[in-house]
Protein backbone atom coordinates (compact mmCIF):
# COMPACT_ATOMS: atom_id res chain seq x y z
CA MET A 1 145.55 119.23 -32.17
CA GLY A 2 146.19 116.77 -29.32
CA ARG A 3 149.52 115.68 -28.05
CA GLN A 4 151.12 112.85 -29.83
CA ARG A 5 151.52 109.52 -27.89
CA ILE A 6 155.00 108.66 -27.04
CA ASP A 7 156.31 105.12 -26.98
CA LEU A 8 157.83 104.38 -23.61
CA LEU A 9 161.52 103.35 -23.33
CA LEU A 10 162.33 100.17 -21.41
CA GLY A 11 162.32 100.94 -17.66
CA THR A 12 160.22 104.14 -18.07
CA LEU A 13 157.12 102.62 -16.77
CA ASP A 14 158.79 101.67 -13.44
CA VAL A 15 159.91 105.23 -12.76
CA LEU A 16 156.56 106.71 -13.69
CA ILE A 17 154.79 104.26 -11.28
CA LEU A 18 157.29 105.10 -8.49
CA GLN A 19 156.92 108.84 -9.08
CA CYS A 20 153.13 108.54 -9.03
CA LEU A 21 153.10 106.63 -5.70
CA SER A 22 155.62 109.08 -4.19
CA ARG A 23 152.89 111.77 -4.49
CA SER A 24 150.15 109.78 -2.77
CA GLN A 25 149.58 107.50 0.29
CA ARG A 26 148.19 104.56 -1.68
CA LEU A 27 146.54 104.13 -5.03
CA HIS A 28 144.94 101.31 -7.20
CA GLY A 29 145.87 100.49 -10.74
CA TYR A 30 143.25 102.64 -12.43
CA ASP A 31 144.21 105.66 -10.43
CA ILE A 32 147.89 105.10 -11.39
CA ILE A 33 146.96 104.92 -15.07
CA ASP A 34 144.90 108.10 -14.76
CA TRP A 35 147.63 109.98 -12.84
CA ILE A 36 150.28 109.06 -15.58
CA ALA A 37 147.95 110.05 -18.40
CA HIS A 38 147.02 113.35 -16.70
CA ARG A 39 150.57 114.34 -15.82
CA SER A 40 151.84 113.59 -19.35
CA GLU A 41 148.95 115.43 -20.88
CA ASP A 42 147.82 112.04 -22.42
CA ALA A 43 151.20 111.47 -24.09
CA PHE A 44 151.56 108.32 -22.00
CA ARG A 45 148.59 105.99 -21.98
CA ILE A 46 149.42 102.92 -19.92
CA GLU A 47 147.59 99.66 -20.79
CA GLU A 48 146.45 97.39 -18.03
CA GLY A 49 148.43 94.61 -19.58
CA ALA A 50 151.58 96.59 -19.05
CA LEU A 51 150.72 98.10 -15.64
CA TYR A 52 149.86 95.11 -13.63
CA PRO A 53 152.96 93.02 -14.42
CA ALA A 54 155.06 96.15 -13.64
CA LEU A 55 153.22 96.60 -10.31
CA HIS A 56 153.78 92.97 -9.49
CA ARG A 57 157.51 93.20 -10.41
CA LEU A 58 158.07 96.33 -8.34
CA GLU A 59 156.17 94.67 -5.42
CA LEU A 60 158.52 91.60 -5.67
CA ARG A 61 161.57 93.91 -5.59
CA GLY A 62 160.29 95.40 -2.43
CA TRP A 63 159.77 98.88 -3.91
CA LEU A 64 156.01 98.69 -3.34
CA ALA A 65 153.67 97.30 -0.76
CA ALA A 66 150.22 96.31 -1.51
CA ASP A 67 146.96 95.49 0.25
CA TRP A 68 143.36 94.88 -0.69
CA GLY A 69 140.59 97.42 -0.10
CA LEU A 70 137.52 98.99 -1.64
CA SER A 71 137.80 101.60 -4.42
CA ASP A 72 135.68 104.70 -4.57
CA ASN A 73 132.90 102.72 -6.32
CA ASN A 74 133.01 99.95 -3.66
CA ARG A 75 134.82 97.48 -5.83
CA ARG A 76 137.57 95.32 -4.40
CA ALA A 77 140.95 96.63 -5.53
CA LYS A 78 144.54 96.15 -4.72
CA PHE A 79 146.15 99.29 -3.44
CA TYR A 80 149.91 100.05 -3.80
CA GLN A 81 152.18 102.32 -1.86
CA LEU A 82 155.80 103.19 -2.01
CA THR A 83 158.17 101.58 0.52
CA PRO A 84 161.31 103.26 1.91
CA SER A 85 163.32 101.06 -0.47
CA GLY A 86 161.08 102.19 -3.38
CA ARG A 87 161.64 105.84 -2.46
CA ARG A 88 165.51 105.31 -2.57
CA GLN A 89 165.10 103.55 -5.90
CA LEU A 90 163.03 106.31 -7.28
CA GLU A 91 165.75 108.90 -6.41
CA ARG A 92 168.36 106.63 -8.17
CA GLN A 93 166.25 106.35 -11.20
CA LYS A 94 165.41 110.07 -11.37
CA ALA A 95 169.10 110.81 -11.23
CA ASP A 96 169.72 108.34 -14.08
CA TRP A 97 166.98 109.95 -16.21
CA ARG A 98 168.33 113.40 -15.60
CA ARG A 99 171.78 112.26 -16.72
CA LEU A 100 170.25 110.55 -19.89
CA ALA A 101 168.14 113.65 -20.71
CA GLY A 102 171.16 115.94 -20.33
CA THR A 103 173.35 113.63 -22.40
CA MET A 104 170.70 113.26 -25.14
CA ALA A 105 170.24 117.03 -25.26
CA GLN A 106 173.97 117.50 -25.66
CA VAL A 107 174.30 114.99 -28.42
CA LEU A 108 171.15 116.45 -30.25
CA GLU A 109 172.65 119.96 -30.12
CA LEU A 110 175.87 118.73 -31.78
CA GLY A 111 173.86 117.36 -34.77
């Protein structure tokens, strides 16, 4: 039986994108979608309609830089990379998620 898909909490997509791009020099949207699906064992399947607005929002905040180039199949694609500000934001968000996960585990154990 395959893993169940999990609905993403608000703000989760941002940290997933930042984490993905922290592991690579630069990626385009389809590669980001594939990386997140692979790392989550297909529990998180990101739709293009959610990804591209998130990428644009992160770029506007200065956490991502983007430029145009050619993909592996010679198609024009926008490539994204993490900025120093984005790297700092990722560390803040990871700390927040660790606190949230620890608190949730604590509450669930009390049940």
